[in-house]
C-alpha atoms as a PDB file:
ATOM      1  CA  UNK A   1      75.957 101.516  77.869  1.00  0.00           C
ATOM      2  CA  UNK A   2      72.040 100.960  77.525  1.00  0.00           C
ATOM      3  CA  UNK A   3      69.741 100.018  80.416  1.00  0.00           C
ATOM      4  CA  UNK A   4      70.232  96.268  80.095  1.00  0.00           C
ATOM      5  CA  UNK A   5      74.046  96.595  80.042  1.00  0.00           C
ATOM      6  CA  UNK A   6      73.779  99.018  83.237  1.00  0.00           C
ATOM      7  CA  UNK A   7      71.603  96.331  84.769  1.00  0.00           C
ATOM      8  CA  UNK A   8      74.179  93.623  84.265  1.00  0.00           C
ATOM      9  CA  UNK A   9      77.119  95.694  85.452  1.00  0.00           C
ATOM     10  CA  UNK A  10      75.113  96.556  88.583  1.00  0.00           C
ATOM     11  CA  UNK A  11      74.235  93.044  89.326  1.00  0.00           C
ATOM     12  CA  UNK A  12      77.943  92.022  88.939  1.00  0.00           C
ATOM     13  CA  UNK A  13      78.993  94.730  91.494  1.00  0.00           C
ATOM     14  CA  UNK A  14      75.865  94.022  93.836  1.00  0.00           C
ATOM     15  CA  UNK A  15      75.024  97.761  93.785  1.00  0.00           C
ATOM     16  CA  UNK A  16      72.589  99.993  91.873  1.00  0.00           C
ATOM     17  CA  UNK A  17      73.590 103.467  90.951  1.00  0.00           C
ATOM     18  CA  UNK A  18      71.389 106.409  91.231  1.00  0.00           C
ATOM     19  CA  UNK A  19      73.990 108.321  89.213  1.00  0.00           C
ATOM     20  CA  UNK A  20      74.825 105.887  86.327  1.00  0.00           C
ATOM     21  CA  UNK A  21      77.322 108.664  84.973  1.00  0.00           C
ATOM     22  CA  UNK A  22      79.614 107.806  87.945  1.00  0.00           C
ATOM     23  CA  UNK A  23      79.715 104.329  86.767  1.00  0.00           C
ATOM     24  CA  UNK A  24      80.255 105.214  83.180  1.00  0.00           C
ATOM     25  CA  UNK A  25      83.175 107.467  84.393  1.00  0.00           C
ATOM     26  CA  UNK A  26      84.575 104.627  86.771  1.00  0.00           C
ATOM     27  CA  UNK A  27      84.808 102.275  83.736  1.00  0.00           C
ATOM     28  CA  UNK A  28      86.463 104.816  81.221  1.00  0.00           C
ATOM     29  CA  UNK A  29      90.420 104.633  81.011  1.00  0.00           C
ATOM     30  CA  UNK A  30      92.251 107.988  80.101  1.00  0.00           C
ATOM     31  CA  UNK A  31      93.129 106.533  76.829  1.00  0.00           C
ATOM     32  CA  UNK A  32      89.382 106.524  75.795  1.00  0.00           C
ATOM     33  CA  UNK A  33      88.243 109.846  77.244  1.00  0.00           C
ATOM     34  CA  UNK A  34      88.098 113.064  75.240  1.00  0.00           C
ATOM     35  CA  UNK A  35      89.581 114.765  78.307  1.00  0.00           C
ATOM     36  CA  UNK A  36      91.616 113.122  81.388  1.00  0.00           C
ATOM     37  CA  UNK A  37      88.969 114.785  83.679  1.00  0.00           C
ATOM     38  CA  UNK A  38      86.258 112.731  81.924  1.00  0.00           C
ATOM     39  CA  UNK A  39      88.340 109.292  82.815  1.00  0.00           C
ATOM     40  CA  UNK A  40      88.348 107.270  86.065  1.00  0.00           C
ATOM     41  CA  UNK A  41      91.469 108.786  87.292  1.00  0.00           C
ATOM     42  CA  UNK A  42      89.725 111.151  89.860  1.00  0.00           C
ATOM     43  CA  UNK A  43      87.521 108.506  91.159  1.00  0.00           C
ATOM     44  CA  UNK A  44      90.468 106.093  91.330  1.00  0.00           C
ATOM     45  CA  UNK A  45      92.172 108.692  93.645  1.00  0.00           C
ATOM     46  CA  UNK A  46      89.104 108.915  95.797  1.00  0.00           C
ATOM     47  CA  UNK A  47      88.641 105.126  95.844  1.00  0.00           C
ATOM     48  CA  UNK A  48      92.305 104.404  96.868  1.00  0.00           C
ATOM     49  CA  UNK A  49      91.612 106.627  99.928  1.00  0.00           C
ATOM     50  CA  UNK A  50      88.283 105.166 101.101  1.00  0.00           C
ATOM     51  CA  UNK A  51      89.608 101.669 100.615  1.00  0.00           C
ATOM     52  CA  UNK A  52      92.617 102.355 102.804  1.00  0.00           C
ATOM     53  CA  UNK A  53      90.408 103.823 105.351  1.00  0.00           C
ATOM     54  CA  UNK A  54      88.085 100.952 105.476  1.00  0.00           C
ATOM     55  CA  UNK A  55      90.568  98.447 105.770  1.00  0.00           C
ATOM     56  CA  UNK A  56      92.367  99.964 108.613  1.00  0.00           C
ATOM     57  CA  UNK A  57      89.084 100.505 110.290  1.00  0.00           C
ATOM     58  CA  UNK A  58      88.247  96.943 109.986  1.00  0.00           C
ATOM     59  CA  UNK A  59      91.915  96.000 111.200  1.00  0.00           C
ATOM     60  CA  UNK A  60      91.468  98.430 114.066  1.00  0.00           C
ATOM     61  CA  UNK A  61      88.266  96.965 115.267  1.00  0.00           C
ATOM     62  CA  UNK A  62      89.037  93.300 114.828  1.00  0.00           C
ATOM     63  CA  UNK A  63      92.500  92.783 115.608  1.00  0.00           C
ATOM     64  CA  UNK A  64      92.957  94.535 119.051  1.00  0.00           C
ATOM     65  CA  UNK A  65      95.944  92.312 120.215  1.00  0.00           C
ATOM     66  CA  UNK A  66      98.055  93.612 117.042  1.00  0.00           C
ATOM     67  CA  UNK A  67     100.662  96.506 117.170  1.00  0.00           C
ATOM     68  CA  UNK A  68     100.599  99.158 114.645  1.00  0.00           C
ATOM     69  CA  UNK A  69     103.679  97.745 112.729  1.00  0.00           C
ATOM     70  CA  UNK A  70     101.533  94.426 112.459  1.00  0.00           C
ATOM     71  CA  UNK A  71      98.625  96.183 111.269  1.00  0.00           C
ATOM     72  CA  UNK A  72     100.305  98.186 108.775  1.00  0.00           C
ATOM     73  CA  UNK A  73     102.072  95.133 107.105  1.00  0.00           C
ATOM     74  CA  UNK A  74      98.474  93.525 106.901  1.00  0.00           C
ATOM     75  CA  UNK A  75      96.990  96.486 105.491  1.00  0.00           C
ATOM     76  CA  UNK A  76      99.860  96.998 102.892  1.00  0.00           C
ATOM     77  CA  UNK A  77      99.209  93.472 101.671  1.00  0.00           C
ATOM     78  CA  UNK A  78      95.459  93.913 101.512  1.00  0.00           C
ATOM     79  CA  UNK A  79      95.441  97.195  99.522  1.00  0.00           C
ATOM     80  CA  UNK A  80      98.245  96.356  97.428  1.00  0.00           C
ATOM     81  CA  UNK A  81      98.113  96.575  93.528  1.00  0.00           C
ATOM     82  CA  UNK A  82      98.513  93.077  93.213  1.00  0.00           C
ATOM     83  CA  UNK A  83      95.388  92.306  95.665  1.00  0.00           C
ATOM     84  CA  UNK A  84      93.398  94.980  93.995  1.00  0.00           C
ATOM     85  CA  UNK A  85      94.158  93.580  90.468  1.00  0.00           C
ATOM     86  CA  UNK A  86      93.335  89.878  91.634  1.00  0.00           C
ATOM     87  CA  UNK A  87      89.895  91.112  92.993  1.00  0.00           C
ATOM     88  CA  UNK A  88      89.123  93.304  90.080  1.00  0.00           C
ATOM     89  CA  UNK A  89      89.894  90.200  87.609  1.00  0.00           C
ATOM     90  CA  UNK A  90      87.978  87.820  89.766  1.00  0.00           C
ATOM     91  CA  UNK A  91      84.955  90.359  89.342  1.00  0.00           C
ATOM     92  CA  UNK A  92      85.614  90.690  85.780  1.00  0.00           C
ATOM     93  CA  UNK A  93      85.854  94.396  85.768  1.00  0.00           C
ATOM     94  CA  UNK A  94      89.073  94.219  83.576  1.00  0.00           C
ATOM     95  CA  UNK A  95      86.394  93.199  80.878  1.00  0.00           C
ATOM     96  CA  UNK A  96      84.313  96.085  81.299  1.00  0.00           C
ATOM     97  CA  UNK A  97      86.958  98.781  81.276  1.00  0.00           C
ATOM     98  CA  UNK A  98      86.505 100.775  78.224  1.00  0.00           C
ATOM     99  CA  UNK A  99      90.136 101.637  76.652  1.00  0.00           C
ATOM    100  CA  UNK A 100      91.535 103.486  73.742  1.00  0.00           C
ATOM    101  CA  UNK A 101      93.125 101.846  70.689  1.00  0.00           C
ATOM    102  CA  UNK A 102      96.567 101.862  72.100  1.00  0.00           C
ATOM    103  CA  UNK A 103      95.518 100.021  75.205  1.00  0.00           C
ATOM    104  CA  UNK A 104      92.990  97.770  73.655  1.00  0.00           C
ATOM    105  CA  UNK A 105      95.717  95.791  71.587  1.00  0.00           C
ATOM    106  CA  UNK A 106      97.155  94.521  74.703  1.00  0.00           C
ATOM    107  CA  UNK A 107      96.403  90.693  75.264  1.00  0.00           C
ATOM    108  CA  UNK A 108      96.632  91.185  79.016  1.00  0.00           C
ATOM    109  CA  UNK A 109      96.077  94.592  80.897  1.00  0.00           C
ATOM    110  CA  UNK A 110      98.984  95.635  83.410  1.00  0.00           C
ATOM    111  CA  UNK A 111      97.874  95.127  87.176  1.00  0.00           C
ATOM    112  CA  UNK A 112      98.225  98.803  87.677  1.00  0.00           C
ATOM    113  CA  UNK A 113      95.318  99.159  85.010  1.00  0.00           C
ATOM    114  CA  UNK A 114      93.089  96.557  86.379  1.00  0.00           C
ATOM    115  CA  UNK A 115      93.532  97.562  89.946  1.00  0.00           C
ATOM    116  CA  UNK A 116      92.861 101.305  89.094  1.00  0.00           C
ATOM    117  CA  UNK A 117      89.432 100.396  87.787  1.00  0.00           C
ATOM    118  CA  UNK A 118      88.770  98.611  91.053  1.00  0.00           C
ATOM    119  CA  UNK A 119      89.417 101.530  93.063  1.00  0.00           C
ATOM    120  CA  UNK A 120      87.525 103.842  90.804  1.00  0.00           C
ATOM    121  CA  UNK A 121      84.445 101.750  91.163  1.00  0.00           C
ATOM    122  CA  UNK A 122      84.948 102.007  95.097  1.00  0.00           C
ATOM    123  CA  UNK A 123      85.065 105.930  94.628  1.00  0.00           C
ATOM    124  CA  UNK A 124      82.043 106.037  92.421  1.00  0.00           C
ATOM    125  CA  UNK A 125      79.924 103.816  94.905  1.00  0.00           C
ATOM    126  CA  UNK A 126      81.099 106.234  97.781  1.00  0.00           C
ATOM    127  CA  UNK A 127      79.944 109.199  95.887  1.00  0.00           C
ATOM    128  CA  UNK A 128      76.889 107.807  94.862  1.00  0.00           C
ATOM    129  CA  UNK A 129      75.948 105.903  97.963  1.00  0.00           C
ATOM    130  CA  UNK A 130      77.994 107.019 101.081  1.00  0.00           C
ATOM    131  CA  UNK A 131      80.152 105.066 103.463  1.00  0.00           C
ATOM    132  CA  UNK A 132      78.100 102.375 104.499  1.00  0.00           C
ATOM    133  CA  UNK A 133      77.299 100.718 101.102  1.00  0.00           C
ATOM    134  CA  UNK A 134      80.955 101.235 100.097  1.00  0.00           C
ATOM    135  CA  UNK A 135      82.166  99.592 103.334  1.00  0.00           C
ATOM    136  CA  UNK A 136      79.920  96.569 102.570  1.00  0.00           C
ATOM    137  CA  UNK A 137      81.272  96.264  98.931  1.00  0.00           C
ATOM    138  CA  UNK A 138      84.801  96.519  99.875  1.00  0.00           C
ATOM    139  CA  UNK A 139      84.671  93.927 102.696  1.00  0.00           C
ATOM    140  CA  UNK A 140      82.432  91.526 100.881  1.00  0.00           C
ATOM    141  CA  UNK A 141      85.552  91.003  98.479  1.00  0.00           C
ATOM    142  CA  UNK A 142      88.183  91.523 101.047  1.00  0.00           C
ATOM    143  CA  UNK A 143      87.084  90.381 104.513  1.00  0.00           C
ATOM    144  CA  UNK A 144      88.485  86.850 103.753  1.00  0.00           C
ATOM    145  CA  UNK A 145      91.829  88.304 102.455  1.00  0.00           C
ATOM    146  CA  UNK A 146      92.249  90.405 105.505  1.00  0.00           C
ATOM    147  CA  UNK A 147      91.690  87.540 107.791  1.00  0.00           C
ATOM    148  CA  UNK A 148      93.902  85.263 105.820  1.00  0.00           C
ATOM    149  CA  UNK A 149      96.696  87.645 105.891  1.00  0.00           C
ATOM    150  CA  UNK A 150      96.477  88.407 109.662  1.00  0.00           C
ATOM    151  CA  UNK A 151      96.664  84.450 110.127  1.00  0.00           C
ATOM    152  CA  UNK A 152      99.590  83.700 107.928  1.00  0.00           C
ATOM    153  CA  UNK A 153     101.917  85.860 110.104  1.00  0.00           C
ATOM    154  CA  UNK A 154     104.185  86.617 107.065  1.00  0.00           C
ATOM    155  CA  UNK A 155     101.613  89.240 104.814  1.00  0.00           C
ATOM    156  CA  UNK A 156     103.177  87.659 101.818  1.00  0.00           C
ATOM    157  CA  UNK A 157     106.600  89.468 102.306  1.00  0.00           C
ATOM    158  CA  UNK A 158     108.479  86.417 101.762  1.00  0.00           C
ATOM    159  CA  UNK A 159     111.768  88.162 101.013  1.00  0.00           C
ATOM    160  CA  UNK A 160     111.537  89.984 104.353  1.00  0.00           C
ATOM    161  CA  UNK A 161     110.953  86.500 106.247  1.00  0.00           C
ATOM    162  CA  UNK A 162     113.777  85.155 104.438  1.00  0.00           C
ATOM    163  CA  UNK A 163     116.175  87.808 105.311  1.00  0.00           C
ATOM    164  CA  UNK A 164     115.343  87.307 108.929  1.00  0.00           C
ATOM    165  CA  UNK A 165     115.489  83.570 108.782  1.00  0.00           C
ATOM    166  CA  UNK A 166     118.795  83.383 107.192  1.00  0.00           C
ATOM    167  CA  UNK A 167     120.080  85.808 110.055  1.00  0.00           C
ATOM    168  CA  UNK A 168     118.656  83.722 112.692  1.00  0.00           C
ATOM    169  CA  UNK A 169     120.024  80.503 111.232  1.00  0.00           C
ATOM    170  CA  UNK A 170     123.537  82.318 110.879  1.00  0.00           C
ATOM    171  CA  UNK A 171     123.523  81.823 107.268  1.00  0.00           C
ATOM    172  CA  UNK A 172     124.813  84.047 104.532  1.00  0.00           C
ATOM    173  CA  UNK A 173     122.144  86.683 103.385  1.00  0.00           C
ATOM    174  CA  UNK A 174     119.968  85.584 100.103  1.00  0.00           C
ATOM    175  CA  UNK A 175     120.953  86.523  96.776  1.00  0.00           C
ATOM    176  CA  UNK A 176     118.431  86.895  93.963  1.00  0.00           C
ATOM    177  CA  UNK A 177     119.323  85.699  90.551  1.00  0.00           C
ATOM    178  CA  UNK A 178     117.667  86.146  87.408  1.00  0.00           C
ATOM    179  CA  UNK A 179     117.745  83.164  85.312  1.00  0.00           C
ATOM    180  CA  UNK A 180     115.644  83.989  82.276  1.00  0.00           C
ATOM    181  CA  UNK A 181     113.208  86.441  80.991  1.00  0.00           C
ATOM    182  CA  UNK A 182     110.370  86.014  78.053  1.00  0.00           C
ATOM    183  CA  UNK A 183     107.876  87.781  76.370  1.00  0.00           C
ATOM    184  CA  UNK A 184     107.417  91.609  74.918  1.00  0.00           C
ATOM    185  CA  UNK A 185     108.616  94.430  76.802  1.00  0.00           C
ATOM    186  CA  UNK A 186     105.341  95.379  77.933  1.00  0.00           C
ATOM    187  CA  UNK A 187     104.380  92.100  79.329  1.00  0.00           C
ATOM    188  CA  UNK A 188     107.890  90.309  80.346  1.00  0.00           C
ATOM    189  CA  UNK A 189     107.754  87.403  82.807  1.00  0.00           C
ATOM    190  CA  UNK A 190     111.081  86.636  84.726  1.00  0.00           C
ATOM    191  CA  UNK A 191     112.506  83.492  86.203  1.00  0.00           C
ATOM    192  CA  UNK A 192     114.269  84.091  89.341  1.00  0.00           C
ATOM    193  CA  UNK A 193     116.163  81.740  92.056  1.00  0.00           C
ATOM    194  CA  UNK A 194     117.511  82.413  95.514  1.00  0.00           C
ATOM    195  CA  UNK A 195     121.041  81.476  96.367  1.00  0.00           C
ATOM    196  CA  UNK A 196     122.169  81.180  99.906  1.00  0.00           C
ATOM    197  CA  UNK A 197     125.883  80.744 100.054  1.00  0.00           C
ATOM    198  CA  UNK A 198     126.553  77.719  97.764  1.00  0.00           C
ATOM    199  CA  UNK A 199     122.864  76.423  97.707  1.00  0.00           C
ATOM    200  CA  UNK A 200     120.576  77.186  95.186  1.00  0.00           C
ATOM    201  CA  UNK A 201     116.854  76.831  95.605  1.00  0.00           C
ATOM    202  CA  UNK A 202     114.052  75.854  92.895  1.00  0.00           C
ATOM    203  CA  UNK A 203     113.543  78.874  90.725  1.00  0.00           C
ATOM    204  CA  UNK A 204     109.832  80.538  90.063  1.00  0.00           C
ATOM    205  CA  UNK A 205     108.446  82.600  87.373  1.00  0.00           C
ATOM    206  CA  UNK A 206     106.465  85.682  87.686  1.00  0.00           C
ATOM    207  CA  UNK A 207     105.029  88.607  86.028  1.00  0.00           C
ATOM    208  CA  UNK A 208     107.604  91.192  87.263  1.00  0.00           C
ATOM    209  CA  UNK A 209     111.081  90.644  88.947  1.00  0.00           C
ATOM    210  CA  UNK A 210     109.601  91.449  92.399  1.00  0.00           C
ATOM    211  CA  UNK A 211     106.804  88.880  92.093  1.00  0.00           C
ATOM    212  CA  UNK A 212     109.410  86.178  90.925  1.00  0.00           C
ATOM    213  CA  UNK A 213     111.492  87.015  93.924  1.00  0.00           C
ATOM    214  CA  UNK A 214     108.826  86.651  96.216  1.00  0.00           C
ATOM    215  CA  UNK A 215     107.839  83.191  95.081  1.00  0.00           C
ATOM    216  CA  UNK A 216     111.519  82.160  94.976  1.00  0.00           C
ATOM    217  CA  UNK A 217     111.873  83.264  98.459  1.00  0.00           C
ATOM    218  CA  UNK A 218     108.877  81.294  99.419  1.00  0.00           C
ATOM    219  CA  UNK A 219     110.436  78.103  97.692  1.00  0.00           C
ATOM    220  CA  UNK A 220     113.600  78.693  99.718  1.00  0.00           C
ATOM    221  CA  UNK A 221     111.519  79.096 103.023  1.00  0.00           C
ATOM    222  CA  UNK A 222     109.712  75.837 102.523  1.00  0.00           C
ATOM    223  CA  UNK A 223     112.982  74.072 101.607  1.00  0.00           C
ATOM    224  CA  UNK A 224     114.640  75.323 104.785  1.00  0.00           C
ATOM    225  CA  UNK A 225     111.563  74.313 106.963  1.00  0.00           C
ATOM    226  CA  UNK A 226     110.672  77.945 107.853  1.00  0.00           C
ATOM    227  CA  UNK A 227     107.222  77.803 106.072  1.00  0.00           C
ATOM    228  CA  UNK A 228     104.676  75.104 104.545  1.00  0.00           C
ATOM    229  CA  UNK A 229     101.832  75.164 102.422  1.00  0.00           C
ATOM    230  CA  UNK A 230      98.543  73.632 103.970  1.00  0.00           C
ATOM    231  CA  UNK A 231      96.015  71.359 101.966  1.00  0.00           C
ATOM    232  CA  UNK A 232      94.160  74.578 100.896  1.00  0.00           C
ATOM    233  CA  UNK A 233      97.405  76.156  99.761  1.00  0.00           C
ATOM    234  CA  UNK A 234      97.880  78.628 102.197  1.00  0.00           C
ATOM    235  CA  UNK A 235     101.348  79.563 103.451  1.00  0.00           C
ATOM    236  CA  UNK A 236     101.925  79.422 107.046  1.00  0.00           C
ATOM    237  CA  UNK A 237     105.122  80.148 109.164  1.00  0.00           C
ATOM    238  CA  UNK A 238     106.452  77.378 111.396  1.00  0.00           C
ATOM    239  CA  UNK A 239     107.472  77.856 114.700  1.00  0.00           C
ATOM    240  CA  UNK A 240     111.224  79.123 114.898  1.00  0.00           C
ATOM    241  CA  UNK A 241     111.876  76.524 117.346  1.00  0.00           C
ATOM    242  CA  UNK A 242     111.019  73.819 114.662  1.00  0.00           C
ATOM    243  CA  UNK A 243     113.420  75.227 112.229  1.00  0.00           C
ATOM    244  CA  UNK A 244     116.781  73.694 111.568  1.00  0.00           C
ATOM    245  CA  UNK A 245     119.788  74.846 109.813  1.00  0.00           C
ATOM    246  CA  UNK A 246     120.465  72.658 106.658  1.00  0.00           C
ATOM    247  CA  UNK A 247     123.982  73.679 106.511  1.00  0.00           C
ATOM    248  CA  UNK A 248     124.757  72.265 109.916  1.00  0.00           C
ATOM    249  CA  UNK A 249     125.286  68.574 110.610  1.00  0.00           C
ATOM    250  CA  UNK A 250     122.461  67.894 112.975  1.00  0.00           C
ATOM    251  CA  UNK A 251     123.604  64.177 113.606  1.00  0.00           C
ATOM    252  CA  UNK A 252     124.835  62.876 117.002  1.00  0.00           C
ATOM    253  CA  UNK A 253     127.570  60.788 117.734  1.00  0.00           C
END
């Protein structure tokens, strides 16, 4: 990159590097590097650890009424591959990543690749500027997601909530059925629905079976009155006392 390109990337990141070779390496995929040691893989390794530490520290300091298990669930959501990929795409990091010919032919990069460049950038900032500026960079993008996950009560694990809810409602356990799949092998999409006993809920599409299953579980939870979306699109769990079993006659004589 020339000086102007460096400045554009640094403006996007909100951080100016003392050592711009770190930025170069953070944006170099293994498929583009002459040697894997020249790629972003080592910075990704470091960035993953720093990301986890910063998020854990924030959770520990700001959610003092939550137990270890609850903190772990929120942390797992916030530092997940899906979340890291979403942040990277929002920032436009996927477009900056330098790829070899085999990877650059893909219309859409896998989440793992996009998430990795976010973590490698974190690692590069940490090496270049230290912990405090890295903490600011991470929380600037993730603080809202952390607080949102803590408020939601489900940490986006709708399958787990559905499993617990069907047990509480004395219903049969949910079954996940793949109805259709489309796309090439490297970028398949899947349509999945949930069946609980004889009832089948609305199906959902996703870029992986796991993602489609989570969204299908959410549709089932909403239909069962266990969850709802607010006007902003956030998903909230309803109080268990408000939940009724749709398989039981609720009428009175």
